[in-house]
């Protein structure tokens, strides 16, 4: 693992441990970063462990995507139910 990957893994693991979330086994971190000089946006993607196969990285990202989509759908259904109750 690169030093950056090790540092990120340790930092995330410590935060999770402090919040009682359990052990960190694998992570894919996606960050939008801004260059301090030019202001240009960039994308930073790091996996821990760094030798995680690409298909596992893609699988974790897809799992997160589906989880978020489910939360958005549940929220919209809840809002629609509130709107329907208010029309009566």
PDB file of N, CA and C in Angstrom:
ATOM      1  N   UNK A   1       0.831  -1.191   0.000  1.00  0.00           N
ATOM      2  CA  UNK A   1       0.000   0.000   0.000  1.00  0.00           C
ATOM      3  C   UNK A   1       0.870   1.247   0.000  1.00  0.00           C
ATOM      4  N   UNK A   2       0.357   2.255  -0.657  1.00  0.00           N
ATOM      5  CA  UNK A   2       1.066   3.529  -0.630  1.00  0.00           C
ATOM      6  C   UNK A   2       0.879   4.163   0.747  1.00  0.00           C
ATOM      7  N   UNK A   3       1.747   5.082   1.084  1.00  0.00           N
ATOM      8  CA  UNK A   3       1.639   5.752   2.381  1.00  0.00           C
ATOM      9  C   UNK A   3       0.324   6.513   2.496  1.00  0.00           C
ATOM     10  N   UNK A   4      -0.109   7.159   1.398  1.00  0.00           N
ATOM     11  CA  UNK A   4      -1.379   7.882   1.413  1.00  0.00           C
ATOM     12  C   UNK A   4      -2.536   6.922   1.686  1.00  0.00           C
ATOM     13  N   UNK A   5      -2.547   5.778   1.019  1.00  0.00           N
ATOM     14  CA  UNK A   5      -3.605   4.793   1.235  1.00  0.00           C
ATOM     15  C   UNK A   5      -3.605   4.315   2.676  1.00  0.00           C
ATOM     16  N   UNK A   6      -2.426   4.023   3.209  1.00  0.00           N
ATOM     17  CA  UNK A   6      -2.319   3.598   4.607  1.00  0.00           C
ATOM     18  C   UNK A   6      -2.868   4.666   5.551  1.00  0.00           C
ATOM     19  N   UNK A   7      -2.485   5.919   5.320  1.00  0.00           N
ATOM     20  CA  UNK A   7      -2.928   7.015   6.184  1.00  0.00           C
ATOM     21  C   UNK A   7      -4.449   7.188   6.128  1.00  0.00           C
ATOM     22  N   UNK A   8      -5.009   7.144   4.917  1.00  0.00           N
ATOM     23  CA  UNK A   8      -6.453   7.296   4.749  1.00  0.00           C
ATOM     24  C   UNK A   8      -7.178   6.143   5.432  1.00  0.00           C
ATOM     25  N   UNK A   9      -6.685   4.928   5.232  1.00  0.00           N
ATOM     26  CA  UNK A   9      -7.317   3.752   5.853  1.00  0.00           C
ATOM     27  C   UNK A   9      -7.302   3.876   7.378  1.00  0.00           C
ATOM     28  N   UNK A  10      -6.174   4.250   7.940  1.00  0.00           N
ATOM     29  CA  UNK A  10      -6.064   4.382   9.396  1.00  0.00           C
ATOM     30  C   UNK A  10      -6.980   5.489   9.925  1.00  0.00           C
ATOM     31  N   UNK A  11      -7.047   6.603   9.219  1.00  0.00           N
ATOM     32  CA  UNK A  11      -7.895   7.717   9.669  1.00  0.00           C
ATOM     33  C   UNK A  11      -9.370   7.319   9.652  1.00  0.00           C
ATOM     34  N   UNK A  12      -9.812   6.685   8.580  1.00  0.00           N
ATOM     35  CA  UNK A  12     -11.212   6.265   8.483  1.00  0.00           C
ATOM     36  C   UNK A  12     -11.518   5.200   9.526  1.00  0.00           C
ATOM     37  N   UNK A  13     -10.606   4.244   9.690  1.00  0.00           N
ATOM     38  CA  UNK A  13     -10.808   3.184  10.686  1.00  0.00           C
ATOM     39  C   UNK A  13     -10.950   3.760  12.086  1.00  0.00           C
ATOM     40  N   UNK A  14     -10.152   4.754  12.410  1.00  0.00           N
ATOM     41  CA  UNK A  14     -10.215   5.375  13.734  1.00  0.00           C
ATOM     42  C   UNK A  14     -11.546   6.091  13.951  1.00  0.00           C
ATOM     43  N   UNK A  15     -12.007   6.821  12.941  1.00  0.00           N
ATOM     44  CA  UNK A  15     -13.289   7.519  13.055  1.00  0.00           C
ATOM     45  C   UNK A  15     -14.421   6.506  13.219  1.00  0.00           C
ATOM     46  N   UNK A  16     -14.413   5.449  12.427  1.00  0.00           N
ATOM     47  CA  UNK A  16     -15.448   4.422  12.549  1.00  0.00           C
ATOM     48  C   UNK A  16     -15.426   3.778  13.926  1.00  0.00           C
ATOM     49  N   UNK A  17     -14.235   3.494  14.417  1.00  0.00           N
ATOM     50  CA  UNK A  17     -14.086   2.877  15.734  1.00  0.00           C
ATOM     51  C   UNK A  17     -14.660   3.807  16.815  1.00  0.00           C
ATOM     52  N   UNK A  18     -14.389   5.092  16.727  1.00  0.00           N
ATOM     53  CA  UNK A  18     -14.887   6.062  17.716  1.00  0.00           C
ATOM     54  C   UNK A  18     -16.411   6.138  17.723  1.00  0.00           C
ATOM     55  N   UNK A  19     -17.014   5.856  16.586  1.00  0.00           N
ATOM     56  CA  UNK A  19     -18.475   5.922  16.477  1.00  0.00           C
ATOM     57  C   UNK A  19     -19.135   4.557  16.586  1.00  0.00           C
ATOM     58  N   UNK A  20     -18.359   3.539  16.954  1.00  0.00           N
ATOM     59  CA  UNK A  20     -18.912   2.210  17.165  1.00  0.00           C
ATOM     60  C   UNK A  20     -19.378   1.506  15.912  1.00  0.00           C
ATOM     61  N   UNK A  21     -18.803   1.854  14.769  1.00  0.00           N
ATOM     62  CA  UNK A  21     -19.262   1.291  13.493  1.00  0.00           C
ATOM     63  C   UNK A  21     -18.582  -0.017  13.128  1.00  0.00           C
ATOM     64  N   UNK A  22     -17.648  -0.492  13.919  1.00  0.00           N
ATOM     65  CA  UNK A  22     -17.004  -1.763  13.619  1.00  0.00           C
ATOM     66  C   UNK A  22     -15.696  -1.599  12.878  1.00  0.00           C
ATOM     67  N   UNK A  23     -15.166  -2.734  12.463  1.00  0.00           N
ATOM     68  CA  UNK A  23     -13.868  -2.756  11.794  1.00  0.00           C
ATOM     69  C   UNK A  23     -13.998  -2.388  10.323  1.00  0.00           C
ATOM     70  N   UNK A  24     -13.027  -1.676   9.827  1.00  0.00           N
ATOM     71  CA  UNK A  24     -12.977  -1.323   8.412  1.00  0.00           C
ATOM     72  C   UNK A  24     -12.236  -2.423   7.670  1.00  0.00           C
ATOM     73  N   UNK A  25     -12.907  -3.063   6.718  1.00  0.00           N
ATOM     74  CA  UNK A  25     -12.237  -4.111   5.953  1.00  0.00           C
ATOM     75  C   UNK A  25     -11.820  -3.614   4.582  1.00  0.00           C
ATOM     76  N   UNK A  26     -12.717  -2.935   3.897  1.00  0.00           N
ATOM     77  CA  UNK A  26     -12.403  -2.408   2.567  1.00  0.00           C
ATOM     78  C   UNK A  26     -13.097  -1.066   2.402  1.00  0.00           C
ATOM     79  N   UNK A  27     -12.516  -0.219   1.573  1.00  0.00           N
ATOM     80  CA  UNK A  27     -13.114   1.090   1.334  1.00  0.00           C
ATOM     81  C   UNK A  27     -12.756   1.581  -0.057  1.00  0.00           C
ATOM     82  N   UNK A  28     -13.688   2.298  -0.643  1.00  0.00           N
ATOM     83  CA  UNK A  28     -13.423   3.054  -1.862  1.00  0.00           C
ATOM     84  C   UNK A  28     -13.808   4.489  -1.529  1.00  0.00           C
ATOM     85  N   UNK A  29     -12.845   5.361  -1.621  1.00  0.00           N
ATOM     86  CA  UNK A  29     -13.036   6.760  -1.276  1.00  0.00           C
ATOM     87  C   UNK A  29     -13.043   7.580  -2.563  1.00  0.00           C
ATOM     88  N   UNK A  30     -14.090   8.362  -2.751  1.00  0.00           N
ATOM     89  CA  UNK A  30     -14.214   9.218  -3.929  1.00  0.00           C
ATOM     90  C   UNK A  30     -14.341  10.651  -3.435  1.00  0.00           C
ATOM     91  N   UNK A  31     -13.412  11.488  -3.856  1.00  0.00           N
ATOM     92  CA  UNK A  31     -13.397  12.880  -3.414  1.00  0.00           C
ATOM     93  C   UNK A  31     -13.320  13.815  -4.609  1.00  0.00           C
ATOM     94  N   UNK A  32     -14.035  14.911  -4.524  1.00  0.00           N
ATOM     95  CA  UNK A  32     -13.853  15.989  -5.488  1.00  0.00           C
ATOM     96  C   UNK A  32     -12.911  16.981  -4.812  1.00  0.00           C
ATOM     97  N   UNK A  33     -11.827  17.276  -5.464  1.00  0.00           N
ATOM     98  CA  UNK A  33     -10.829  18.173  -4.891  1.00  0.00           C
ATOM     99  C   UNK A  33     -10.696  19.418  -5.765  1.00  0.00           C
ATOM    100  N   UNK A  34     -10.308  20.512  -5.129  1.00  0.00           N
ATOM    101  CA  UNK A  34     -10.118  21.778  -5.823  1.00  0.00           C
ATOM    102  C   UNK A  34      -8.642  22.153  -5.730  1.00  0.00           C
ATOM    103  N   UNK A  35      -8.035  22.401  -6.868  1.00  0.00           N
ATOM    104  CA  UNK A  35      -6.639  22.830  -6.889  1.00  0.00           C
ATOM    105  C   UNK A  35      -6.551  24.213  -6.256  1.00  0.00           C
ATOM    106  N   UNK A  36      -5.677  24.369  -5.274  1.00  0.00           N
ATOM    107  CA  UNK A  36      -5.582  25.634  -4.538  1.00  0.00           C
ATOM    108  C   UNK A  36      -5.108  26.784  -5.419  1.00  0.00           C
ATOM    109  N   UNK A  37      -4.284  26.496  -6.408  1.00  0.00           N
ATOM    110  CA  UNK A  37      -3.751  27.552  -7.263  1.00  0.00           C
ATOM    111  C   UNK A  37      -4.694  27.924  -8.396  1.00  0.00           C
ATOM    112  N   UNK A  38      -5.157  26.919  -9.140  1.00  0.00           N
ATOM    113  CA  UNK A  38      -5.956  27.197 -10.335  1.00  0.00           C
ATOM    114  C   UNK A  38      -7.455  27.175 -10.082  1.00  0.00           C
ATOM    115  N   UNK A  39      -7.889  26.541  -8.997  1.00  0.00           N
ATOM    116  CA  UNK A  39      -9.314  26.423  -8.729  1.00  0.00           C
ATOM    117  C   UNK A  39      -9.988  25.333  -9.536  1.00  0.00           C
ATOM    118  N   UNK A  40      -9.215  24.566 -10.310  1.00  0.00           N
ATOM    119  CA  UNK A  40      -9.786  23.500 -11.120  1.00  0.00           C
ATOM    120  C   UNK A  40     -10.230  22.337 -10.243  1.00  0.00           C
ATOM    121  N   UNK A  41     -11.346  21.717 -10.647  1.00  0.00           N
ATOM    122  CA  UNK A  41     -11.858  20.558  -9.936  1.00  0.00           C
ATOM    123  C   UNK A  41     -11.175  19.299 -10.439  1.00  0.00           C
ATOM    124  N   UNK A  42     -10.965  18.384  -9.538  1.00  0.00           N
ATOM    125  CA  UNK A  42     -10.396  17.096  -9.903  1.00  0.00           C
ATOM    126  C   UNK A  42     -11.094  16.001  -9.120  1.00  0.00           C
ATOM    127  N   UNK A  43     -10.904  14.771  -9.554  1.00  0.00           N
ATOM    128  CA  UNK A  43     -11.501  13.622  -8.892  1.00  0.00           C
ATOM    129  C   UNK A  43     -10.388  12.765  -8.319  1.00  0.00           C
ATOM    130  N   UNK A  44     -10.520  12.421  -7.062  1.00  0.00           N
ATOM    131  CA  UNK A  44      -9.557  11.566  -6.382  1.00  0.00           C
ATOM    132  C   UNK A  44     -10.285  10.289  -5.990  1.00  0.00           C
ATOM    133  N   UNK A  45      -9.784   9.155  -6.459  1.00  0.00           N
ATOM    134  CA  UNK A  45     -10.369   7.859  -6.128  1.00  0.00           C
ATOM    135  C   UNK A  45      -9.267   6.986  -5.548  1.00  0.00           C
ATOM    136  N   UNK A  46      -9.502   6.476  -4.351  1.00  0.00           N
ATOM    137  CA  UNK A  46      -8.511   5.634  -3.686  1.00  0.00           C
ATOM    138  C   UNK A  46      -9.231   4.432  -3.098  1.00  0.00           C
ATOM    139  N   UNK A  47      -8.613   3.282  -3.186  1.00  0.00           N
ATOM    140  CA  UNK A  47      -9.172   2.065  -2.604  1.00  0.00           C
ATOM    141  C   UNK A  47      -8.235   1.554  -1.522  1.00  0.00           C
ATOM    142  N   UNK A  48      -8.832   0.973  -0.509  1.00  0.00           N
ATOM    143  CA  UNK A  48      -8.042   0.386   0.561  1.00  0.00           C
ATOM    144  C   UNK A  48      -8.630  -0.983   0.869  1.00  0.00           C
ATOM    145  N   UNK A  49      -7.851  -2.014   0.727  1.00  0.00           N
ATOM    146  CA  UNK A  49      -6.421  -2.043   0.452  1.00  0.00           C
ATOM    147  C   UNK A  49      -6.140  -1.648  -0.998  1.00  0.00           C
ATOM    148  N   UNK A  50      -4.963  -1.146  -1.232  1.00  0.00           N
ATOM    149  CA  UNK A  50      -4.627  -0.621  -2.556  1.00  0.00           C
ATOM    150  C   UNK A  50      -4.590  -1.699  -3.630  1.00  0.00           C
ATOM    151  N   UNK A  51      -4.454  -2.962  -3.236  1.00  0.00           N
ATOM    152  CA  UNK A  51      -4.446  -4.039  -4.226  1.00  0.00           C
ATOM    153  C   UNK A  51      -5.836  -4.638  -4.443  1.00  0.00           C
ATOM    154  N   UNK A  52      -6.882  -3.932  -4.000  1.00  0.00           N
ATOM    155  CA  UNK A  52      -8.246  -4.403  -4.220  1.00  0.00           C
ATOM    156  C   UNK A  52      -8.499  -4.508  -5.720  1.00  0.00           C
ATOM    157  N   UNK A  53      -8.998  -5.636  -6.186  1.00  0.00           N
ATOM    158  CA  UNK A  53      -9.263  -5.781  -7.618  1.00  0.00           C
ATOM    159  C   UNK A  53     -10.257  -4.740  -8.129  1.00  0.00           C
ATOM    160  N   UNK A  54     -10.107  -4.358  -9.364  1.00  0.00           N
ATOM    161  CA  UNK A  54     -10.957  -3.330  -9.970  1.00  0.00           C
ATOM    162  C   UNK A  54     -12.437  -3.715  -9.904  1.00  0.00           C
ATOM    163  N   UNK A  55     -12.773  -4.995 -10.099  1.00  0.00           N
ATOM    164  CA  UNK A  55     -14.173  -5.414 -10.059  1.00  0.00           C
ATOM    165  C   UNK A  55     -14.747  -5.287  -8.654  1.00  0.00           C
ATOM    166  N   UNK A  56     -13.926  -5.454  -7.616  1.00  0.00           N
ATOM    167  CA  UNK A  56     -14.403  -5.237  -6.257  1.00  0.00           C
ATOM    168  C   UNK A  56     -14.648  -3.751  -6.006  1.00  0.00           C
ATOM    169  N   UNK A  57     -13.772  -2.914  -6.534  1.00  0.00           N
ATOM    170  CA  UNK A  57     -13.975  -1.458  -6.408  1.00  0.00           C
ATOM    171  C   UNK A  57     -15.284  -1.065  -7.072  1.00  0.00           C
ATOM    172  N   UNK A  58     -15.479  -1.560  -8.299  1.00  0.00           N
ATOM    173  CA  UNK A  58     -16.709  -1.248  -9.038  1.00  0.00           C
ATOM    174  C   UNK A  58     -17.930  -1.773  -8.296  1.00  0.00           C
ATOM    175  N   UNK A  59     -17.810  -2.961  -7.709  1.00  0.00           N
ATOM    176  CA  UNK A  59     -18.927  -3.527  -6.962  1.00  0.00           C
ATOM    177  C   UNK A  59     -19.296  -2.704  -5.747  1.00  0.00           C
ATOM    178  N   UNK A  60     -18.304  -2.221  -4.998  1.00  0.00           N
ATOM    179  CA  UNK A  60     -18.585  -1.384  -3.833  1.00  0.00           C
ATOM    180  C   UNK A  60     -19.241  -0.068  -4.246  1.00  0.00           C
ATOM    181  N   UNK A  61     -18.751   0.508  -5.330  1.00  0.00           N
ATOM    182  CA  UNK A  61     -19.351   1.761  -5.810  1.00  0.00           C
ATOM    183  C   UNK A  61     -20.788   1.537  -6.276  1.00  0.00           C
ATOM    184  N   UNK A  62     -21.032   0.422  -6.955  1.00  0.00           N
ATOM    185  CA  UNK A  62     -22.382   0.120  -7.441  1.00  0.00           C
ATOM    186  C   UNK A  62     -23.325  -0.137  -6.259  1.00  0.00           C
ATOM    187  N   UNK A  63     -22.830  -0.854  -5.251  1.00  0.00           N
ATOM    188  CA  UNK A  63     -23.623  -1.122  -4.057  1.00  0.00           C
ATOM    189  C   UNK A  63     -24.021   0.198  -3.384  1.00  0.00           C
ATOM    190  N   UNK A  64     -23.070   1.120  -3.259  1.00  0.00           N
ATOM    191  CA  UNK A  64     -23.356   2.430  -2.669  1.00  0.00           C
ATOM    192  C   UNK A  64     -24.360   3.203  -3.515  1.00  0.00           C
ATOM    193  N   UNK A  65     -24.209   3.135  -4.836  1.00  0.00           N
ATOM    194  CA  UNK A  65     -25.118   3.815  -5.750  1.00  0.00           C
ATOM    195  C   UNK A  65     -26.552   3.301  -5.577  1.00  0.00           C
ATOM    196  N   UNK A  66     -26.706   1.980  -5.521  1.00  0.00           N
ATOM    197  CA  UNK A  66     -28.034   1.400  -5.349  1.00  0.00           C
ATOM    198  C   UNK A  66     -28.621   1.743  -3.979  1.00  0.00           C
ATOM    199  N   UNK A  67     -27.788   1.754  -2.957  1.00  0.00           N
ATOM    200  CA  UNK A  67     -28.250   2.104  -1.616  1.00  0.00           C
ATOM    201  C   UNK A  67     -28.757   3.542  -1.586  1.00  0.00           C
ATOM    202  N   UNK A  68     -28.006   4.450  -2.179  1.00  0.00           N
ATOM    203  CA  UNK A  68     -28.434   5.855  -2.230  1.00  0.00           C
ATOM    204  C   UNK A  68     -29.701   6.020  -3.062  1.00  0.00           C
ATOM    205  N   UNK A  69     -29.791   5.313  -4.173  1.00  0.00           N
ATOM    206  CA  UNK A  69     -30.991   5.382  -5.013  1.00  0.00           C
ATOM    207  C   UNK A  69     -32.213   4.904  -4.229  1.00  0.00           C
ATOM    208  N   UNK A  70     -32.048   3.865  -3.430  1.00  0.00           N
ATOM    209  CA  UNK A  70     -33.144   3.376  -2.606  1.00  0.00           C
ATOM    210  C   UNK A  70     -33.577   4.402  -1.576  1.00  0.00           C
ATOM    211  N   UNK A  71     -32.615   5.089  -0.981  1.00  0.00           N
ATOM    212  CA  UNK A  71     -32.937   6.122   0.006  1.00  0.00           C
ATOM    213  C   UNK A  71     -33.678   7.292  -0.655  1.00  0.00           C
ATOM    214  N   UNK A  72     -33.247   7.686  -1.845  1.00  0.00           N
ATOM    215  CA  UNK A  72     -33.917   8.769  -2.565  1.00  0.00           C
ATOM    216  C   UNK A  72     -35.341   8.363  -2.901  1.00  0.00           C
ATOM    217  N   UNK A  73     -35.520   7.141  -3.377  1.00  0.00           N
ATOM    218  CA  UNK A  73     -36.860   6.649  -3.715  1.00  0.00           C
ATOM    219  C   UNK A  73     -37.757   6.634  -2.489  1.00  0.00           C
ATOM    220  N   UNK A  74     -37.251   6.119  -1.369  1.00  0.00           N
ATOM    221  CA  UNK A  74     -38.040   6.082  -0.134  1.00  0.00           C
ATOM    222  C   UNK A  74     -38.438   7.484   0.302  1.00  0.00           C
ATOM    223  N   UNK A  75     -37.526   8.428   0.170  1.00  0.00           N
ATOM    224  CA  UNK A  75     -37.813   9.813   0.543  1.00  0.00           C
ATOM    225  C   UNK A  75     -38.909  10.389  -0.353  1.00  0.00           C
ATOM    226  N   UNK A  76     -38.813  10.127  -1.647  1.00  0.00           N
ATOM    227  CA  UNK A  76     -39.820  10.658  -2.574  1.00  0.00           C
ATOM    228  C   UNK A  76     -41.178  10.017  -2.350  1.00  0.00           C
ATOM    229  N   UNK A  77     -41.198   8.736  -2.044  1.00  0.00           N
ATOM    230  CA  UNK A  77     -42.472   8.069  -1.751  1.00  0.00           C
ATOM    231  C   UNK A  77     -43.078   8.670  -0.488  1.00  0.00           C
ATOM    232  N   UNK A  78     -42.238   8.931   0.517  1.00  0.00           N
ATOM    233  CA  UNK A  78     -42.719   9.560   1.744  1.00  0.00           C
ATOM    234  C   UNK A  78     -43.272  10.947   1.496  1.00  0.00           C
ATOM    235  N   UNK A  79     -42.596  11.713   0.651  1.00  0.00           N
ATOM    236  CA  UNK A  79     -43.080  13.061   0.328  1.00  0.00           C
ATOM    237  C   UNK A  79     -44.387  12.993  -0.441  1.00  0.00           C
ATOM    238  N   UNK A  80     -44.499  12.030  -1.364  1.00  0.00           N
ATOM    239  CA  UNK A  80     -45.731  11.880  -2.134  1.00  0.00           C
ATOM    240  C   UNK A  80     -46.888  11.504  -1.223  1.00  0.00           C
ATOM    241  N   UNK A  81     -46.618  10.652  -0.226  1.00  0.00           N
ATOM    242  CA  UNK A  81     -47.659  10.265   0.719  1.00  0.00           C
ATOM    243  C   UNK A  81     -48.108  11.466   1.544  1.00  0.00           C
ATOM    244  N   UNK A  82     -47.161  12.315   1.932  1.00  0.00           N
ATOM    245  CA  UNK A  82     -47.525  13.525   2.683  1.00  0.00           C
ATOM    246  C   UNK A  82     -48.350  14.462   1.823  1.00  0.00           C
ATOM    247  N   UNK A  83     -47.980  14.615   0.542  1.00  0.00           N
ATOM    248  CA  UNK A  83     -48.753  15.461  -0.373  1.00  0.00           C
ATOM    249  C   UNK A  83     -50.160  14.927  -0.565  1.00  0.00           C
ATOM    250  N   UNK A  84     -50.288  13.613  -0.688  1.00  0.00           N
ATOM    251  CA  UNK A  84     -51.609  13.007  -0.865  1.00  0.00           C
ATOM    252  C   UNK A  84     -52.484  13.216   0.358  1.00  0.00           C
ATOM    253  N   UNK A  85     -51.895  13.122   1.561  1.00  0.00           N
ATOM    254  CA  UNK A  85     -52.654  13.326   2.799  1.00  0.00           C
ATOM    255  C   UNK A  85     -53.094  14.764   2.933  1.00  0.00           C
ATOM    256  N   UNK A  86     -52.324  15.700   2.430  1.00  0.00           N
ATOM    257  CA  UNK A  86     -52.649  17.114   2.554  1.00  0.00           C
ATOM    258  C   UNK A  86     -53.745  17.556   1.608  1.00  0.00           C
ATOM    259  N   UNK A  87     -54.000  16.775   0.537  1.00  0.00           N
ATOM    260  CA  UNK A  87     -54.999  17.158  -0.454  1.00  0.00           C
ATOM    261  C   UNK A  87     -56.418  16.818  -0.009  1.00  0.00           C
ATOM    262  N   UNK A  88     -56.555  15.980   0.994  1.00  0.00           N
ATOM    263  CA  UNK A  88     -57.894  15.537   1.397  1.00  0.00           C
ATOM    264  C   UNK A  88     -58.664  16.607   2.114  1.00  0.00           C
TER     265      UNK A  88
END
